[in-house]
Amino acid sequence: MAFKESAVLGTVSLNATGTGTTNIGATSNSGTLSIGNSSSGAVAINCGTAGITVGTTANAHTSTFGSTNSTSATTVQSGSGTLSLTTTNGAITENSGTGTISISSDATATTVNIATGAGAKTVTLGSTNTTSTTTIACGTGGLSLGTSANAHPTTIGSTTASATTTIQGPSAGVFALGVAGNTVANQNFVTINTSTGALGSVAQTAFSSINVQVFTATGASTYTPTSGMKYCTIECVGAGGGGGGSSTTGANQNSVAGGGGGGGYARRTVTAATIGVSQTVTVGTGGTAGAAGAGTGGTGGTSSVGTIVSCTGGAGGVGAGAAAASGAGGGAGGAGSSGDVNLTGGSGVGGSGLSIAGSGTVLVIGNGGTTPLAGSICSASGTGLNYGGGGAGSAISSSTSQAAGGAGANGIVIITEFI
């Protein structure tokens, strides 16, 4: 038997005036219960403080709320209580077509948690559609990505060749990359142009080997980088200056010339791009010995690698005449230039002597100048020590034939490659 209450334009009410229960369709039969109509009428289901329960039985069933009509709206409201959408191992899907899905878009201060439970979860934000945009905005509270203590990779940006990744910093703030004390290998690193503030990337991987190329042959030769070279450190030393020559002495005379200056030193680390396919390497020749008869020593040759780094040679020591008290100045050291480190070679020691009748002669030899790779030669007319050492000046006592000074040592170029 069917029971039907209807009203054309009026109101139909099923009420329980006391504290009893009003049941609609509460039998165990499998019939269909319809509330409302398909016209323009409204259906309101209200309750007091006891709450409304819809579709909460243990039976397997589908509960559907809202209309698929393109202009329809569905609102699920909650006051100061909790609004929970819970599924047991099922999926929760929120779709809006071309509309907007907003979560906590009001002006009230609150906390929004997404997938913050202790279970292992995969969280995806954004669409893979080629024209889609994903924006994560924050106020003054800051934005943290991947800051938990768990070991995990954090990736920002696309691997597509034409993609652009922008990381912006404030004009007056501090932009920091990396964590102090941590070493990052096998990754690209970010460079910051300090004049323009622009960010760039330099491909960098861990070095697998180190190779050293040494150039000692004087004159020009060619440096060709080892395949796979990423960086190299160039060290060069200019040649030493020659020591000065002495003059023939008579009784109670001496002749002590000055030593040649040491070659300059420079060191610089550059990228493979700076080297290019090859560079011309020049190793300076040691300065000639000052000729017998007060000849001044020759200046040492310059050592260089292209226009990347250069070191001049030391100046020659001054030759000496014969006298009871003789002496001559040492040559100035050469200088390094264009390096990360540039040093000046040691100056040659000035020679001096004193002859006193009946007492003998005291000679102070003009030692050759030093370099970071060479000490000082201390014997008269000695050749400069490798590499880049200045030659010693000649030193003779009374009634001795004139003599030449010592030649300066050749320079050197050392290139340490990181592969």
Protein backbone atom coordinates (compact mmCIF):
# COMPACT_ATOMS: atom_id res chain seq x y z
CA MET A 1 0.00 0.00 0.00
CA ALA A 2 1.38 3.41 -0.93
CA PHE A 3 0.99 6.52 1.18
CA LYS A 4 1.05 9.88 -0.55
CA GLU A 5 0.89 13.42 0.81
CA SER A 6 0.71 16.18 -1.75
CA ALA A 7 -0.07 19.85 -2.05
CA VAL A 8 -0.28 21.80 -5.28
CA LEU A 9 0.99 25.13 -3.95
CA GLY A 10 0.95 24.50 -0.24
CA THR A 11 3.18 22.82 2.30
CA VAL A 12 3.27 19.16 3.29
CA SER A 13 4.42 18.50 6.85
CA LEU A 14 5.19 15.20 8.59
CA ASN A 15 5.74 16.09 12.20
CA ALA A 16 6.32 14.42 15.48
CA THR A 17 4.98 16.79 18.10
CA GLY A 18 6.64 15.07 21.00
CA THR A 19 10.02 13.48 21.46
CA GLY A 20 9.21 10.54 19.25
CA THR A 21 10.75 9.42 15.98
CA THR A 22 9.40 10.12 12.50
CA ASN A 23 10.33 7.35 10.06
CA ILE A 24 10.17 7.68 6.27
CA GLY A 25 10.91 4.60 4.23
CA ALA A 26 12.35 2.82 7.28
CA THR A 27 11.28 -0.71 6.30
CA SER A 28 13.65 -3.43 5.17
CA ASN A 29 12.13 -3.51 1.69
CA SER A 30 14.28 -2.62 -1.31
CA GLY A 31 12.12 0.21 -2.61
CA THR A 32 13.30 3.67 -3.66
CA LEU A 33 12.78 6.68 -1.41
CA SER A 34 12.56 10.05 -3.18
CA ILE A 35 12.48 13.40 -1.40
CA GLY A 36 11.89 16.56 -3.40
CA ASN A 37 11.04 17.08 -7.08
CA SER A 38 12.81 17.69 -10.34
CA SER A 39 11.21 21.08 -10.83
CA SER A 40 12.30 24.40 -9.31
CA GLY A 41 11.27 23.55 -5.78
CA ALA A 42 13.66 23.47 -2.83
CA VAL A 43 14.29 20.60 -0.39
CA ALA A 44 15.42 21.48 3.13
CA ILE A 45 16.58 18.92 5.70
CA ASN A 46 17.07 20.56 9.08
CA CYS A 47 18.01 19.32 12.50
CA GLY A 48 18.62 20.56 15.98
CA THR A 49 21.67 19.75 18.03
CA ALA A 50 21.41 16.02 17.41
CA GLY A 51 22.92 16.18 13.90
CA ILE A 52 22.06 14.80 10.47
CA THR A 53 23.25 11.38 9.37
CA VAL A 54 23.11 10.44 5.69
CA GLY A 55 24.24 7.12 4.26
CA THR A 56 26.16 5.94 7.34
CA THR A 57 24.99 2.32 7.46
CA ALA A 58 27.48 -0.50 7.13
CA ASN A 59 25.98 -1.61 3.80
CA ALA A 60 28.02 -1.06 0.65
CA HIS A 61 26.41 1.83 -1.18
CA THR A 62 27.09 5.03 -3.09
CA SER A 63 26.14 8.41 -1.61
CA THR A 64 25.86 11.31 -4.07
CA PHE A 65 25.41 14.99 -3.23
CA GLY A 66 24.85 17.85 -5.64
CA SER A 67 23.82 18.28 -9.24
CA THR A 68 25.81 17.81 -12.45
CA ASN A 69 24.05 20.80 -13.97
CA SER A 70 26.66 23.30 -15.20
CA THR A 71 25.14 26.20 -13.23
CA SER A 72 24.41 24.35 -10.01
CA ALA A 73 26.19 24.94 -6.68
CA THR A 74 26.69 22.52 -3.78
CA THR A 75 27.65 23.82 -0.34
CA VAL A 76 28.82 21.70 2.62
CA GLN A 77 29.04 23.90 5.70
CA SER A 78 30.56 23.57 9.13
CA GLY A 79 30.56 26.05 11.98
CA SER A 80 33.29 26.01 14.60
CA GLY A 81 33.21 22.22 14.56
CA THR A 82 35.20 19.87 12.36
CA LEU A 83 34.37 19.03 8.74
CA SER A 84 35.87 15.63 7.95
CA LEU A 85 36.05 13.81 4.63
CA THR A 86 37.21 10.29 5.45
CA THR A 87 37.64 7.21 3.34
CA THR A 88 38.88 3.77 4.35
CA ASN A 89 41.51 2.91 1.70
CA GLY A 90 39.40 4.61 -0.93
CA ALA A 91 40.07 7.69 -3.04
CA ILE A 92 38.70 11.18 -2.45
CA THR A 93 38.32 13.14 -5.68
CA GLU A 94 37.46 16.82 -6.01
CA ASN A 95 36.89 18.01 -9.57
CA SER A 96 35.58 21.34 -10.76
CA GLY A 97 35.73 21.28 -14.54
CA THR A 98 36.78 24.76 -15.62
CA GLY A 99 35.91 26.19 -12.22
CA THR A 100 38.20 26.94 -9.29
CA ILE A 101 38.83 24.74 -6.24
CA SER A 102 39.59 26.87 -3.20
CA ILE A 103 40.78 25.54 0.15
CA SER A 104 40.81 27.95 3.11
CA SER A 105 40.51 30.99 0.84
CA ASP A 106 38.87 33.22 3.43
CA ALA A 107 40.62 35.97 5.43
CA THR A 108 40.64 34.05 8.72
CA ALA A 109 44.03 33.06 10.16
CA THR A 110 44.29 29.28 10.28
CA THR A 111 46.52 26.31 9.55
CA VAL A 112 45.99 24.19 6.43
CA ASN A 113 47.42 20.68 6.55
CA ILE A 114 47.66 18.48 3.47
CA ALA A 115 48.92 14.90 3.80
CA THR A 116 50.58 15.54 7.18
CA GLY A 117 49.82 12.13 8.64
CA ALA A 118 52.58 9.76 9.73
CA GLY A 119 51.91 7.27 6.92
CA ALA A 120 54.03 7.13 3.77
CA LYS A 121 52.33 9.31 1.15
CA THR A 122 53.02 10.70 -2.30
CA VAL A 123 51.83 14.31 -2.60
CA THR A 124 51.54 15.91 -6.03
CA LEU A 125 50.75 19.58 -6.64
CA GLY A 126 50.21 20.92 -10.12
CA SER A 127 49.31 19.62 -13.54
CA THR A 128 51.53 18.07 -16.20
CA ASN A 129 49.59 19.92 -18.89
CA THR A 130 52.10 21.92 -20.96
CA THR A 131 50.30 25.24 -20.40
CA SER A 132 49.47 24.82 -16.71
CA THR A 133 50.89 27.04 -13.97
CA THR A 134 51.52 26.12 -10.33
CA THR A 135 52.09 28.90 -7.80
CA ILE A 136 53.07 28.44 -4.14
CA ALA A 137 52.79 31.76 -2.34
CA CYS A 138 53.55 32.80 1.23
CA GLY A 139 53.48 35.86 3.43
CA THR A 140 56.20 36.99 5.82
CA GLY A 141 56.25 33.60 7.51
CA GLY A 142 58.53 32.12 4.86
CA LEU A 143 58.39 29.14 2.52
CA SER A 144 60.14 25.86 3.36
CA LEU A 145 60.73 23.07 0.87
CA GLY A 146 62.19 19.73 1.90
CA THR A 147 63.45 20.94 5.28
CA SER A 148 62.70 17.81 7.29
CA ALA A 149 65.54 15.86 8.91
CA ASN A 150 64.89 12.81 6.72
CA ALA A 151 67.39 11.98 3.98
CA HIS A 152 65.71 12.86 0.69
CA PRO A 153 66.40 14.55 -2.65
CA THR A 154 64.89 17.99 -3.31
CA THR A 155 64.47 18.90 -6.97
CA ILE A 156 63.48 22.30 -8.33
CA GLY A 157 63.20 23.00 -12.04
CA SER A 158 62.79 21.07 -15.27
CA THR A 159 65.32 18.96 -17.16
CA THR A 160 63.91 20.19 -20.46
CA ALA A 161 66.58 22.12 -22.39
CA SER A 162 64.28 25.06 -23.09
CA ALA A 163 62.94 25.36 -19.54
CA THR A 164 63.79 28.30 -17.29
CA THR A 165 64.16 28.08 -13.51
CA THR A 166 64.26 31.35 -11.60
CA ILE A 167 65.32 31.74 -7.97
CA GLN A 168 64.84 35.30 -6.80
CA GLY A 169 66.38 37.16 -3.89
CA PRO A 170 65.54 40.56 -2.41
CA SER A 171 67.52 43.60 -3.51
CA ALA A 172 68.75 44.34 0.00
CA GLY A 173 68.61 40.87 1.55
CA VAL A 174 70.96 37.91 1.64
CA PHE A 175 70.75 35.09 -0.89
CA ALA A 176 72.30 31.86 0.44
CA LEU A 177 72.84 28.56 -1.33
CA GLY A 178 74.09 25.44 0.45
CA VAL A 179 74.80 24.56 4.06
CA ALA A 180 78.11 25.35 5.74
CA GLY A 181 80.23 22.26 6.28
CA ASN A 182 78.46 20.15 3.67
CA THR A 183 80.19 18.98 0.50
CA VAL A 184 78.10 18.66 -2.66
CA ALA A 185 79.49 16.45 -5.41
CA ASN A 186 78.21 15.37 -8.82
CA GLN A 187 75.90 18.36 -9.12
CA ASN A 188 75.73 21.67 -10.93
CA PHE A 189 76.50 24.68 -8.78
CA VAL A 190 75.04 28.15 -8.93
CA THR A 191 77.13 31.23 -9.63
CA ILE A 192 76.10 34.75 -8.67
CA ASN A 193 77.31 37.70 -10.72
CA THR A 194 78.25 40.17 -7.99
CA SER A 195 78.00 43.18 -10.27
CA THR A 196 74.57 42.48 -11.76
CA GLY A 197 73.07 39.99 -9.32
CA ALA A 198 72.41 37.54 -12.19
CA LEU A 199 72.43 33.82 -11.47
CA GLY A 200 74.14 31.34 -13.73
CA SER A 201 75.03 27.67 -13.69
CA VAL A 202 78.40 26.03 -14.22
CA ALA A 203 78.43 22.31 -14.93
CA GLN A 204 80.55 20.59 -12.31
CA THR A 205 81.16 16.96 -11.41
CA ALA A 206 83.54 15.33 -9.00
CA PHE A 207 87.12 14.98 -10.25
CA SER A 208 88.12 11.45 -11.15
CA SER A 209 91.84 12.03 -11.67
CA ILE A 210 94.65 14.61 -11.60
CA ASN A 211 97.30 14.96 -14.29
CA VAL A 212 100.39 17.18 -14.29
CA GLN A 213 102.09 18.55 -17.41
CA VAL A 214 105.54 20.09 -16.88
CA PHE A 215 107.27 22.38 -19.40
CA THR A 216 111.00 22.93 -18.96
CA ALA A 217 112.24 23.28 -22.56
CA THR A 218 113.01 26.95 -23.17
CA GLY A 219 111.16 28.81 -25.88
CA ALA A 220 107.63 28.30 -27.18
CA SER A 221 105.65 25.05 -27.17
CA THR A 222 101.96 24.07 -27.14
CA TYR A 223 99.83 23.01 -24.22
CA THR A 224 96.95 20.75 -25.24
CA PRO A 225 94.57 19.88 -22.39
CA THR A 226 94.04 16.24 -21.49
CA SER A 227 90.63 14.98 -22.63
CA GLY A 228 87.98 15.59 -19.95
CA MET A 229 89.94 18.32 -18.18
CA LYS A 230 87.57 20.57 -16.25
CA TYR A 231 89.95 22.89 -14.42
CA CYS A 232 93.67 23.38 -14.28
CA THR A 233 96.09 25.24 -12.04
CA ILE A 234 98.93 27.00 -13.88
CA GLU A 235 102.21 27.77 -12.13
CA CYS A 236 105.00 29.60 -13.91
CA VAL A 237 108.42 30.90 -12.93
CA GLY A 238 110.45 33.39 -14.94
CA ALA A 239 114.14 32.73 -15.60
CA GLY A 240 116.86 34.00 -13.30
CA GLY A 241 119.17 36.87 -14.18
CA GLY A 242 122.88 36.26 -14.76
CA GLY A 243 125.53 37.22 -12.22
CA GLY A 244 127.92 40.07 -12.98
CA GLY A 245 131.54 39.55 -14.11
CA SER A 246 134.70 40.69 -12.33
CA SER A 247 137.81 42.59 -13.46
CA THR A 248 141.47 41.59 -13.25
CA THR A 249 142.94 42.68 -9.92
CA GLY A 250 146.39 43.86 -8.86
CA ALA A 251 148.05 43.68 -5.50
CA ASN A 252 145.76 44.54 -2.58
CA GLN A 253 142.71 44.71 -4.88
CA ASN A 254 139.55 42.67 -5.26
CA SER A 255 136.59 42.56 -7.63
CA VAL A 256 133.19 41.32 -6.41
CA ALA A 257 130.13 41.53 -8.74
CA GLY A 258 126.42 41.38 -7.87
CA GLY A 259 124.19 38.32 -8.22
CA GLY A 260 121.32 38.07 -10.69
CA GLY A 261 117.69 38.44 -9.54
CA GLY A 262 115.30 35.49 -9.23
CA GLY A 263 112.44 35.04 -11.67
CA GLY A 264 108.88 36.07 -10.82
CA TYR A 265 106.18 33.53 -9.85
CA ALA A 266 102.46 33.36 -10.60
CA ARG A 267 99.70 30.81 -10.05
CA ARG A 268 96.19 30.80 -11.47
CA THR A 269 93.31 28.29 -11.64
CA VAL A 270 91.13 28.45 -14.77
CA THR A 271 88.35 26.47 -16.45
CA ALA A 272 88.66 24.32 -19.55
CA ALA A 273 86.74 27.03 -21.42
CA THR A 274 89.49 29.54 -20.63
CA ILE A 275 92.16 27.21 -22.02
CA GLY A 276 90.17 26.30 -25.12
CA VAL A 277 91.66 23.85 -27.63
CA SER A 278 95.26 24.77 -26.75
CA GLN A 279 97.54 27.52 -25.45
CA THR A 280 101.09 28.61 -26.28
CA VAL A 281 103.52 27.94 -23.43
CA THR A 282 106.74 29.94 -23.22
CA VAL A 283 109.56 29.01 -20.84
CA GLY A 284 112.09 31.76 -20.17
CA THR A 285 115.81 31.20 -20.77
CA GLY A 286 118.22 32.02 -17.95
CA GLY A 287 120.04 35.31 -18.22
CA THR A 288 123.55 35.12 -19.62
CA ALA A 289 126.51 35.35 -17.31
CA GLY A 290 128.12 38.74 -17.03
CA ALA A 291 131.29 38.71 -19.12
CA ALA A 292 134.75 38.83 -17.54
CA GLY A 293 135.85 42.42 -17.33
CA ALA A 294 132.97 43.89 -15.31
CA GLY A 295 130.18 42.69 -17.63
CA THR A 296 126.62 42.97 -16.30
CA GLY A 297 124.57 39.75 -16.33
CA GLY A 298 121.73 39.26 -18.79
CA THR A 299 118.06 39.53 -17.84
CA GLY A 300 116.17 36.24 -17.55
CA GLY A 301 113.43 35.43 -20.05
CA THR A 302 109.69 35.64 -19.40
CA SER A 303 107.61 32.48 -18.84
CA SER A 304 103.92 32.51 -19.77
CA VAL A 305 100.83 30.57 -20.84
CA GLY A 306 99.13 32.51 -23.63
CA THR A 307 97.82 35.75 -22.18
CA ILE A 308 96.43 33.94 -19.14
CA VAL A 309 99.42 34.27 -16.81
CA SER A 310 102.96 35.63 -17.12
CA CYS A 311 106.21 35.93 -15.10
CA THR A 312 109.15 38.13 -16.04
CA GLY A 313 112.74 37.07 -15.48
CA GLY A 314 115.16 38.50 -12.95
CA ALA A 315 117.56 41.31 -13.90
CA GLY A 316 121.27 40.67 -14.25
CA GLY A 317 123.78 41.45 -11.52
CA VAL A 318 126.10 44.42 -12.05
CA GLY A 319 129.72 43.76 -12.99
CA ALA A 320 132.55 44.97 -10.76
CA GLY A 321 135.83 46.79 -11.33
CA ALA A 322 139.05 46.21 -9.38
CA ALA A 323 139.70 48.17 -6.21
CA ALA A 324 140.86 47.78 -2.65
CA ALA A 325 137.20 48.11 -1.64
CA SER A 326 135.03 46.94 -4.50
CA GLY A 327 131.35 46.13 -4.84
CA ALA A 328 128.42 45.99 -7.25
CA GLY A 329 124.65 45.77 -6.90
CA GLY A 330 122.50 42.70 -7.40
CA GLY A 331 119.78 42.45 -10.04
CA ALA A 332 116.09 43.00 -9.18
CA GLY A 333 113.74 40.03 -9.08
CA GLY A 334 111.18 39.38 -11.80
CA ALA A 335 107.42 39.75 -11.20
CA GLY A 336 104.38 37.52 -11.69
CA SER A 337 101.21 38.96 -13.22
CA SER A 338 97.58 37.98 -14.00
CA GLY A 339 97.65 35.15 -11.47
CA ASP A 340 95.49 34.43 -8.44
CA VAL A 341 98.85 34.60 -6.66
CA ASN A 342 101.66 36.86 -7.95
CA LEU A 343 105.12 36.96 -6.33
CA THR A 344 108.30 38.88 -7.01
CA GLY A 345 111.56 36.95 -7.21
CA GLY A 346 114.29 37.65 -4.70
CA SER A 347 116.83 40.31 -5.63
CA GLY A 348 120.42 39.27 -6.22
CA VAL A 349 122.83 40.03 -3.40
CA GLY A 350 125.22 42.88 -3.99
CA GLY A 351 128.86 41.77 -3.91
CA SER A 352 131.49 43.54 -1.82
CA GLY A 353 135.15 43.06 -0.94
CA LEU A 354 137.90 44.66 1.16
CA SER A 355 141.63 44.12 0.71
CA ILE A 356 144.08 45.35 3.37
CA ALA A 357 147.80 45.22 2.77
CA GLY A 358 149.45 42.71 5.06
CA SER A 359 146.08 41.43 6.33
CA GLY A 360 144.43 39.78 3.30
CA THR A 361 141.10 40.16 1.55
CA VAL A 362 137.51 39.72 2.75
CA LEU A 363 134.94 38.90 0.04
CA VAL A 364 131.12 38.93 0.34
CA ILE A 365 129.89 36.98 -2.66
CA GLY A 366 126.95 38.36 -4.65
CA ASN A 367 124.58 35.41 -4.28
CA GLY A 368 121.84 34.81 -6.84
CA GLY A 369 118.22 35.75 -6.10
CA THR A 370 115.67 33.13 -5.01
CA THR A 371 112.23 32.02 -6.26
CA PRO A 372 109.52 29.83 -4.66
CA LEU A 373 111.11 26.93 -6.56
CA ALA A 374 114.80 27.80 -6.15
CA GLY A 375 117.20 28.71 -3.38
CA SER A 376 120.20 31.01 -3.60
CA ILE A 377 123.48 29.94 -5.18
CA CYS A 378 126.28 30.85 -2.82
CA SER A 379 129.44 29.98 -4.72
CA ALA A 380 131.20 32.65 -6.79
CA SER A 381 130.20 32.57 -10.48
CA GLY A 382 127.76 29.73 -9.67
CA THR A 383 124.88 29.01 -12.04
CA GLY A 384 121.43 29.83 -10.65
CA LEU A 385 119.51 27.01 -8.99
CA ASN A 386 116.49 25.55 -10.78
CA TYR A 387 114.00 26.85 -11.37
CA GLY A 388 114.41 30.60 -11.97
CA GLY A 389 117.29 31.18 -9.54
CA GLY A 390 119.66 34.06 -10.25
CA GLY A 391 123.31 33.40 -11.07
CA ALA A 392 126.00 34.41 -8.59
CA GLY A 393 128.37 37.26 -9.30
CA SER A 394 132.08 36.65 -9.84
CA ALA A 395 134.32 37.31 -6.83
CA ILE A 396 138.14 37.38 -7.01
CA SER A 397 140.87 38.55 -4.67
CA SER A 398 144.18 40.31 -5.37
CA SER A 399 146.39 39.63 -8.39
CA THR A 400 143.78 37.43 -10.09
CA SER A 401 142.57 37.33 -13.68
CA GLN A 402 139.07 38.61 -14.43
CA ALA A 403 136.21 36.08 -14.51
CA ALA A 404 132.63 35.80 -15.75
CA GLY A 405 129.63 35.55 -13.45
CA GLY A 406 127.18 32.66 -13.25
CA ALA A 407 124.27 32.23 -15.68
CA GLY A 408 120.73 32.42 -14.43
CA ALA A 409 118.55 29.29 -14.27
CA ASN A 410 115.81 28.66 -16.81
CA GLY A 411 112.18 29.14 -15.89
CA ILE A 412 109.44 26.50 -15.74
CA VAL A 413 105.68 26.09 -16.36
CA ILE A 414 103.67 23.50 -14.42
CA ILE A 415 100.02 22.79 -15.29
CA THR A 416 98.03 20.59 -12.90
CA GLU A 417 94.86 19.26 -14.56
CA PHE A 418 91.69 18.18 -12.73
CA ILE A 419 89.85 15.62 -14.84
